[in-house]
Amino acid sequence: LKFRSSNATKALISAGRKQWYQRRVRVPEQVFNLRGTLQELELGQNNIRDLSPEMGKMLRLRKLNLVNNNIKELPAEMSALVALEDLNLSHNKLTEIPETIYSMAALCSLILSNNQIAKVDPSKLIGLTSLVCIDLENNNIGRLPPELSLIPSLRTLLVMGNSFKIPRADVLARGSSEVIAWLKNKVPL
């Protein structure tokens, strides 16, 4: 456990370059002692499978990095993280977008790339009115719903590397604004 600032608002918990068997499989208990002040938590590059319900008590948390773990789901208690702005769950074992995410009203950036997500429910994501960026690259999404373009603040939508055929790769290659515009034209009236 290393602190990156003296005021205990950031914590970095990582295996770094240690051997795989030394990686953490759970969040250290000391982290939960900081729940009243901790704003940024880096838990990437570990072997975490299950997150404690205690994560939901970290009400000041603004940034949570869980990249490169073995997480399959989030505890329901994490829906209390209404101040969370940035959530990175890339390179995990998610097969769907966790329900708890839909309660995180302040969420601006949601990174879910390189998981096994098969479908996206835009009706739930539309409620995240602060959401500016969604990264869903390299998942198993079979259909890209046009209603994703109705997320009010959405500016960046990354979806390359999925199994859907529409929109075509040439549309995706033109960037997020073109993909969002293409999707808007496909929304049923």
C-alpha atoms as a PDB file:
ATOM      1  CA  LEU A   1       0.000   0.000   0.000  1.00  0.00           C
ATOM      2  CA  LYS A   2       1.476   3.299  -1.100  1.00  0.00           C
ATOM      3  CA  PHE A   3       0.026   6.758  -0.722  1.00  0.00           C
ATOM      4  CA  ARG A   4       0.585   9.204  -3.557  1.00  0.00           C
ATOM      5  CA  SER A   5      -0.218  12.304  -1.561  1.00  0.00           C
ATOM      6  CA  SER A   6       0.201  13.424   2.019  1.00  0.00           C
ATOM      7  CA  ASN A   7      -3.455  14.255   2.548  1.00  0.00           C
ATOM      8  CA  ALA A   8      -4.552  10.649   1.945  1.00  0.00           C
ATOM      9  CA  THR A   9      -6.877  11.511  -0.934  1.00  0.00           C
ATOM     10  CA  LYS A  10      -5.149   9.089  -3.305  1.00  0.00           C
ATOM     11  CA  ALA A  11      -4.029   5.514  -2.808  1.00  0.00           C
ATOM     12  CA  LEU A  12      -2.106   3.288  -5.180  1.00  0.00           C
ATOM     13  CA  ILE A  13      -2.397  -0.433  -4.597  1.00  0.00           C
ATOM     14  CA  SER A  14      -0.580  -2.447  -7.172  1.00  0.00           C
ATOM     15  CA  ALA A  15       1.486  -5.535  -7.638  1.00  0.00           C
ATOM     16  CA  GLY A  16       3.800  -3.565  -9.901  1.00  0.00           C
ATOM     17  CA  ARG A  17       6.421  -5.880 -11.392  1.00  0.00           C
ATOM     18  CA  LYS A  18       6.130  -8.522  -8.673  1.00  0.00           C
ATOM     19  CA  GLN A  19       5.463 -12.145  -9.534  1.00  0.00           C
ATOM     20  CA  TRP A  20       1.869 -13.098 -10.362  1.00  0.00           C
ATOM     21  CA  TYR A  21       1.427 -15.031  -7.130  1.00  0.00           C
ATOM     22  CA  GLN A  22       2.119 -11.892  -5.102  1.00  0.00           C
ATOM     23  CA  ARG A  23      -0.730  -9.890  -6.627  1.00  0.00           C
ATOM     24  CA  ARG A  24      -3.552  -8.896  -4.330  1.00  0.00           C
ATOM     25  CA  VAL A  25      -6.749 -10.901  -4.548  1.00  0.00           C
ATOM     26  CA  ARG A  26      -8.768  -8.465  -2.444  1.00  0.00           C
ATOM     27  CA  VAL A  27      -8.735  -4.820  -1.479  1.00  0.00           C
ATOM     28  CA  PRO A  28      -6.586  -4.299   1.654  1.00  0.00           C
ATOM     29  CA  GLU A  29      -8.606  -3.491   4.771  1.00  0.00           C
ATOM     30  CA  GLN A  30      -6.495  -0.356   5.386  1.00  0.00           C
ATOM     31  CA  VAL A  31      -8.150   1.243   2.364  1.00  0.00           C
ATOM     32  CA  PHE A  32     -11.559   1.147   4.025  1.00  0.00           C
ATOM     33  CA  ASN A  33     -10.156   3.113   6.982  1.00  0.00           C
ATOM     34  CA  LEU A  34      -9.736   6.006   4.516  1.00  0.00           C
ATOM     35  CA  ARG A  35     -13.347   5.971   3.320  1.00  0.00           C
ATOM     36  CA  GLY A  36     -14.000   9.495   4.605  1.00  0.00           C
ATOM     37  CA  THR A  37     -11.152  11.108   2.637  1.00  0.00           C
ATOM     38  CA  LEU A  38     -10.135   8.837  -0.233  1.00  0.00           C
ATOM     39  CA  GLN A  39     -10.936  10.341  -3.637  1.00  0.00           C
ATOM     40  CA  GLU A  40      -8.782   8.276  -6.023  1.00  0.00           C
ATOM     41  CA  LEU A  41      -8.086   4.569  -5.769  1.00  0.00           C
ATOM     42  CA  GLU A  42      -5.783   2.626  -8.101  1.00  0.00           C
ATOM     43  CA  LEU A  43      -6.320  -1.128  -7.862  1.00  0.00           C
ATOM     44  CA  GLY A  44      -5.112  -2.087 -11.331  1.00  0.00           C
ATOM     45  CA  GLN A  45      -2.823  -4.977 -12.242  1.00  0.00           C
ATOM     46  CA  ASN A  46      -3.902  -7.254  -9.407  1.00  0.00           C
ATOM     47  CA  ASN A  47      -5.856 -10.488  -9.245  1.00  0.00           C
ATOM     48  CA  ILE A  48      -8.985  -9.139  -7.574  1.00  0.00           C
ATOM     49  CA  ARG A  49     -12.062 -11.276  -8.234  1.00  0.00           C
ATOM     50  CA  ASP A  50     -14.539 -10.002  -5.698  1.00  0.00           C
ATOM     51  CA  LEU A  51     -14.927  -6.519  -4.318  1.00  0.00           C
ATOM     52  CA  SER A  52     -16.070  -6.055  -0.741  1.00  0.00           C
ATOM     53  CA  PRO A  53     -19.453  -4.429  -0.096  1.00  0.00           C
ATOM     54  CA  GLU A  54     -17.362  -1.947   1.955  1.00  0.00           C
ATOM     55  CA  MET A  55     -16.470  -0.306  -1.388  1.00  0.00           C
ATOM     56  CA  GLY A  56     -19.939   1.247  -1.301  1.00  0.00           C
ATOM     57  CA  LYS A  57     -18.984   3.247   1.798  1.00  0.00           C
ATOM     58  CA  MET A  58     -16.249   5.193   0.007  1.00  0.00           C
ATOM     59  CA  LEU A  59     -18.592   8.084  -0.674  1.00  0.00           C
ATOM     60  CA  ARG A  60     -15.904  10.650  -1.599  1.00  0.00           C
ATOM     61  CA  LEU A  61     -14.369   8.424  -4.265  1.00  0.00           C
ATOM     62  CA  ARG A  62     -14.152  10.244  -7.600  1.00  0.00           C
ATOM     63  CA  LYS A  63     -11.819   7.969  -9.540  1.00  0.00           C
ATOM     64  CA  LEU A  64     -11.607   4.175  -9.357  1.00  0.00           C
ATOM     65  CA  ASN A  65      -9.202   2.158 -11.494  1.00  0.00           C
ATOM     66  CA  LEU A  66      -9.794  -1.601 -11.486  1.00  0.00           C
ATOM     67  CA  VAL A  67      -8.053  -2.386 -14.790  1.00  0.00           C
ATOM     68  CA  ASN A  68      -6.546  -5.828 -15.322  1.00  0.00           C
ATOM     69  CA  ASN A  69      -8.173  -7.888 -12.588  1.00  0.00           C
ATOM     70  CA  ASN A  70     -10.606 -10.825 -12.684  1.00  0.00           C
ATOM     71  CA  ILE A  71     -13.794  -9.015 -11.707  1.00  0.00           C
ATOM     72  CA  LYS A  72     -17.055 -10.571 -12.926  1.00  0.00           C
ATOM     73  CA  GLU A  73     -19.487  -8.294 -11.079  1.00  0.00           C
ATOM     74  CA  LEU A  74     -19.707  -5.328  -8.731  1.00  0.00           C
ATOM     75  CA  PRO A  75     -21.380  -5.465  -5.325  1.00  0.00           C
ATOM     76  CA  ALA A  76     -24.792  -3.789  -5.171  1.00  0.00           C
ATOM     77  CA  GLU A  77     -23.487  -1.511  -2.412  1.00  0.00           C
ATOM     78  CA  MET A  78     -21.303   0.290  -4.953  1.00  0.00           C
ATOM     79  CA  SER A  79     -24.437   1.991  -6.302  1.00  0.00           C
ATOM     80  CA  ALA A  80     -23.929   4.427  -3.385  1.00  0.00           C
ATOM     81  CA  LEU A  81     -20.819   5.855  -5.115  1.00  0.00           C
ATOM     82  CA  VAL A  82     -22.758   8.800  -6.506  1.00  0.00           C
ATOM     83  CA  ALA A  83     -19.667  11.084  -6.567  1.00  0.00           C
ATOM     84  CA  LEU A  84     -17.678   8.688  -8.775  1.00  0.00           C
ATOM     85  CA  GLU A  85     -16.647  10.408 -12.030  1.00  0.00           C
ATOM     86  CA  ASP A  86     -14.166   7.978 -13.602  1.00  0.00           C
ATOM     87  CA  LEU A  87     -14.500   4.202 -13.534  1.00  0.00           C
ATOM     88  CA  ASN A  88     -12.083   1.917 -15.370  1.00  0.00           C
ATOM     89  CA  LEU A  89     -13.034  -1.759 -15.461  1.00  0.00           C
ATOM     90  CA  SER A  90     -11.149  -2.689 -18.624  1.00  0.00           C
ATOM     91  CA  HIS A  91      -9.476  -6.088 -18.920  1.00  0.00           C
ATOM     92  CA  ASN A  92     -11.736  -7.931 -16.496  1.00  0.00           C
ATOM     93  CA  LYS A  93     -14.294 -10.740 -16.847  1.00  0.00           C
ATOM     94  CA  LEU A  94     -17.545  -8.767 -17.114  1.00  0.00           C
ATOM     95  CA  THR A  95     -20.252 -10.284 -19.327  1.00  0.00           C
ATOM     96  CA  GLU A  96     -22.666  -7.378 -18.863  1.00  0.00           C
ATOM     97  CA  ILE A  97     -22.598  -3.808 -17.641  1.00  0.00           C
ATOM     98  CA  PRO A  98     -23.070  -4.096 -13.864  1.00  0.00           C
ATOM     99  CA  GLU A  99     -26.424  -2.745 -12.635  1.00  0.00           C
ATOM    100  CA  THR A 100     -24.688  -0.694  -9.928  1.00  0.00           C
ATOM    101  CA  ILE A 101     -23.145   1.540 -12.575  1.00  0.00           C
ATOM    102  CA  TYR A 102     -26.543   2.951 -13.543  1.00  0.00           C
ATOM    103  CA  SER A 103     -26.828   4.651 -10.115  1.00  0.00           C
ATOM    104  CA  MET A 104     -23.505   6.482 -10.405  1.00  0.00           C
ATOM    105  CA  ALA A 105     -24.995   9.824 -11.415  1.00  0.00           C
ATOM    106  CA  ALA A 106     -21.711  11.793 -11.574  1.00  0.00           C
ATOM    107  CA  LEU A 107     -20.014   9.289 -13.896  1.00  0.00           C
ATOM    108  CA  CYS A 108     -18.226  11.084 -16.753  1.00  0.00           C
ATOM    109  CA  SER A 109     -15.931   8.334 -18.039  1.00  0.00           C
ATOM    110  CA  LEU A 110     -16.795   4.638 -18.173  1.00  0.00           C
ATOM    111  CA  ILE A 111     -14.098   2.305 -19.496  1.00  0.00           C
ATOM    112  CA  LEU A 112     -15.307  -1.275 -20.068  1.00  0.00           C
ATOM    113  CA  SER A 113     -13.015  -2.339 -22.908  1.00  0.00           C
ATOM    114  CA  ASN A 114     -11.576  -5.834 -23.202  1.00  0.00           C
ATOM    115  CA  ASN A 115     -14.243  -7.688 -21.267  1.00  0.00           C
ATOM    116  CA  GLN A 116     -16.871 -10.139 -22.499  1.00  0.00           C
ATOM    117  CA  ILE A 117     -19.888  -7.834 -22.585  1.00  0.00           C
ATOM    118  CA  ALA A 118     -22.451  -9.152 -25.051  1.00  0.00           C
ATOM    119  CA  LYS A 119     -25.126  -6.444 -25.043  1.00  0.00           C
ATOM    120  CA  VAL A 120     -25.725  -2.848 -24.059  1.00  0.00           C
ATOM    121  CA  ASP A 121     -28.979  -1.452 -22.674  1.00  0.00           C
ATOM    122  CA  PRO A 122     -29.077   2.217 -23.728  1.00  0.00           C
ATOM    123  CA  SER A 123     -32.287   2.906 -21.779  1.00  0.00           C
ATOM    124  CA  LYS A 124     -30.284   2.526 -18.551  1.00  0.00           C
ATOM    125  CA  LEU A 125     -27.217   4.454 -19.764  1.00  0.00           C
ATOM    126  CA  ILE A 126     -29.354   7.436 -20.847  1.00  0.00           C
ATOM    127  CA  GLY A 127     -29.915   8.192 -17.149  1.00  0.00           C
ATOM    128  CA  LEU A 128     -26.208   8.914 -16.739  1.00  0.00           C
ATOM    129  CA  THR A 129     -26.516  12.517 -17.872  1.00  0.00           C
ATOM    130  CA  SER A 130     -22.877  13.430 -17.085  1.00  0.00           C
ATOM    131  CA  LEU A 131     -21.442  10.564 -19.140  1.00  0.00           C
ATOM    132  CA  VAL A 132     -19.031  11.999 -21.721  1.00  0.00           C
ATOM    133  CA  CYS A 133     -16.996   8.897 -22.636  1.00  0.00           C
ATOM    134  CA  ILE A 134     -17.860   5.206 -22.963  1.00  0.00           C
ATOM    135  CA  ASP A 135     -15.216   2.730 -24.062  1.00  0.00           C
ATOM    136  CA  LEU A 136     -16.707  -0.639 -25.047  1.00  0.00           C
ATOM    137  CA  GLU A 137     -13.932  -1.750 -27.404  1.00  0.00           C
ATOM    138  CA  ASN A 138     -13.022  -5.427 -27.744  1.00  0.00           C
ATOM    139  CA  ASN A 139     -16.088  -7.013 -26.183  1.00  0.00           C
ATOM    140  CA  ASN A 140     -18.671  -9.416 -27.640  1.00  0.00           C
ATOM    141  CA  ILE A 141     -21.369  -6.865 -28.478  1.00  0.00           C
ATOM    142  CA  GLY A 142     -23.514  -8.292 -31.276  1.00  0.00           C
ATOM    143  CA  ARG A 143     -25.704  -5.225 -31.873  1.00  0.00           C
ATOM    144  CA  LEU A 144     -24.927  -1.557 -31.350  1.00  0.00           C
ATOM    145  CA  PRO A 145     -28.182   0.128 -30.299  1.00  0.00           C
ATOM    146  CA  PRO A 146     -28.813   3.506 -31.989  1.00  0.00           C
ATOM    147  CA  GLU A 147     -30.288   4.812 -28.727  1.00  0.00           C
ATOM    148  CA  LEU A 148     -26.751   5.090 -27.324  1.00  0.00           C
ATOM    149  CA  SER A 149     -26.600   8.362 -29.247  1.00  0.00           C
ATOM    150  CA  LEU A 150     -29.310   9.755 -26.933  1.00  0.00           C
ATOM    151  CA  ILE A 151     -27.007   9.869 -23.888  1.00  0.00           C
ATOM    152  CA  PRO A 152     -27.116  13.655 -23.329  1.00  0.00           C
ATOM    153  CA  SER A 153     -23.412  14.485 -22.748  1.00  0.00           C
ATOM    154  CA  LEU A 154     -21.840  11.683 -24.792  1.00  0.00           C
ATOM    155  CA  ARG A 155     -18.900  12.868 -26.907  1.00  0.00           C
ATOM    156  CA  THR A 156     -16.687   9.777 -27.084  1.00  0.00           C
ATOM    157  CA  LEU A 157     -18.000   6.332 -27.970  1.00  0.00           C
ATOM    158  CA  LEU A 158     -15.350   3.669 -28.610  1.00  0.00           C
ATOM    159  CA  VAL A 159     -16.731   0.394 -29.966  1.00  0.00           C
ATOM    160  CA  MET A 160     -14.147  -1.151 -32.326  1.00  0.00           C
ATOM    161  CA  GLY A 161     -13.362  -4.850 -31.940  1.00  0.00           C
ATOM    162  CA  ASN A 162     -16.889  -6.130 -31.310  1.00  0.00           C
ATOM    163  CA  SER A 163     -18.888  -8.692 -33.272  1.00  0.00           C
ATOM    164  CA  PHE A 164     -21.537  -6.354 -34.746  1.00  0.00           C
ATOM    165  CA  LYS A 165     -21.415  -5.687 -38.490  1.00  0.00           C
ATOM    166  CA  ILE A 166     -23.421  -2.452 -38.485  1.00  0.00           C
ATOM    167  CA  PRO A 167     -22.139   0.222 -38.434  1.00  0.00           C
ATOM    168  CA  ARG A 168     -19.379  -0.869 -40.773  1.00  0.00           C
ATOM    169  CA  ALA A 169     -15.693  -0.501 -39.954  1.00  0.00           C
ATOM    170  CA  ASP A 170     -15.334   2.545 -42.216  1.00  0.00           C
ATOM    171  CA  VAL A 171     -17.868   4.448 -40.080  1.00  0.00           C
ATOM    172  CA  LEU A 172     -16.079   3.393 -36.878  1.00  0.00           C
ATOM    173  CA  ALA A 173     -12.733   4.474 -38.312  1.00  0.00           C
ATOM    174  CA  ARG A 174     -14.015   8.052 -38.739  1.00  0.00           C
ATOM    175  CA  GLY A 175     -14.185   8.563 -34.974  1.00  0.00           C
ATOM    176  CA  SER A 176     -16.698   8.983 -32.196  1.00  0.00           C
ATOM    177  CA  SER A 177     -18.543  12.005 -33.556  1.00  0.00           C
ATOM    178  CA  GLU A 178     -19.257  10.158 -36.818  1.00  0.00           C
ATOM    179  CA  VAL A 179     -20.372   7.007 -35.004  1.00  0.00           C
ATOM    180  CA  ILE A 180     -22.690   8.997 -32.720  1.00  0.00           C
ATOM    181  CA  ALA A 181     -24.123  10.910 -35.715  1.00  0.00           C
ATOM    182  CA  TRP A 182     -24.626   7.631 -37.614  1.00  0.00           C
ATOM    183  CA  LEU A 183     -26.431   6.127 -34.612  1.00  0.00           C
ATOM    184  CA  LYS A 184     -28.639   9.247 -34.233  1.00  0.00           C
ATOM    185  CA  ASN A 185     -29.819   8.806 -37.815  1.00  0.00           C
ATOM    186  CA  LYS A 186     -30.892   5.245 -36.978  1.00  0.00           C
ATOM    187  CA  VAL A 187     -32.938   6.029 -33.856  1.00  0.00           C
ATOM    188  CA  PRO A 188     -36.577   5.067 -34.502  1.00  0.00           C
ATOM    189  CA  LEU A 189     -38.975   8.012 -34.350  1.00  0.00           C
END
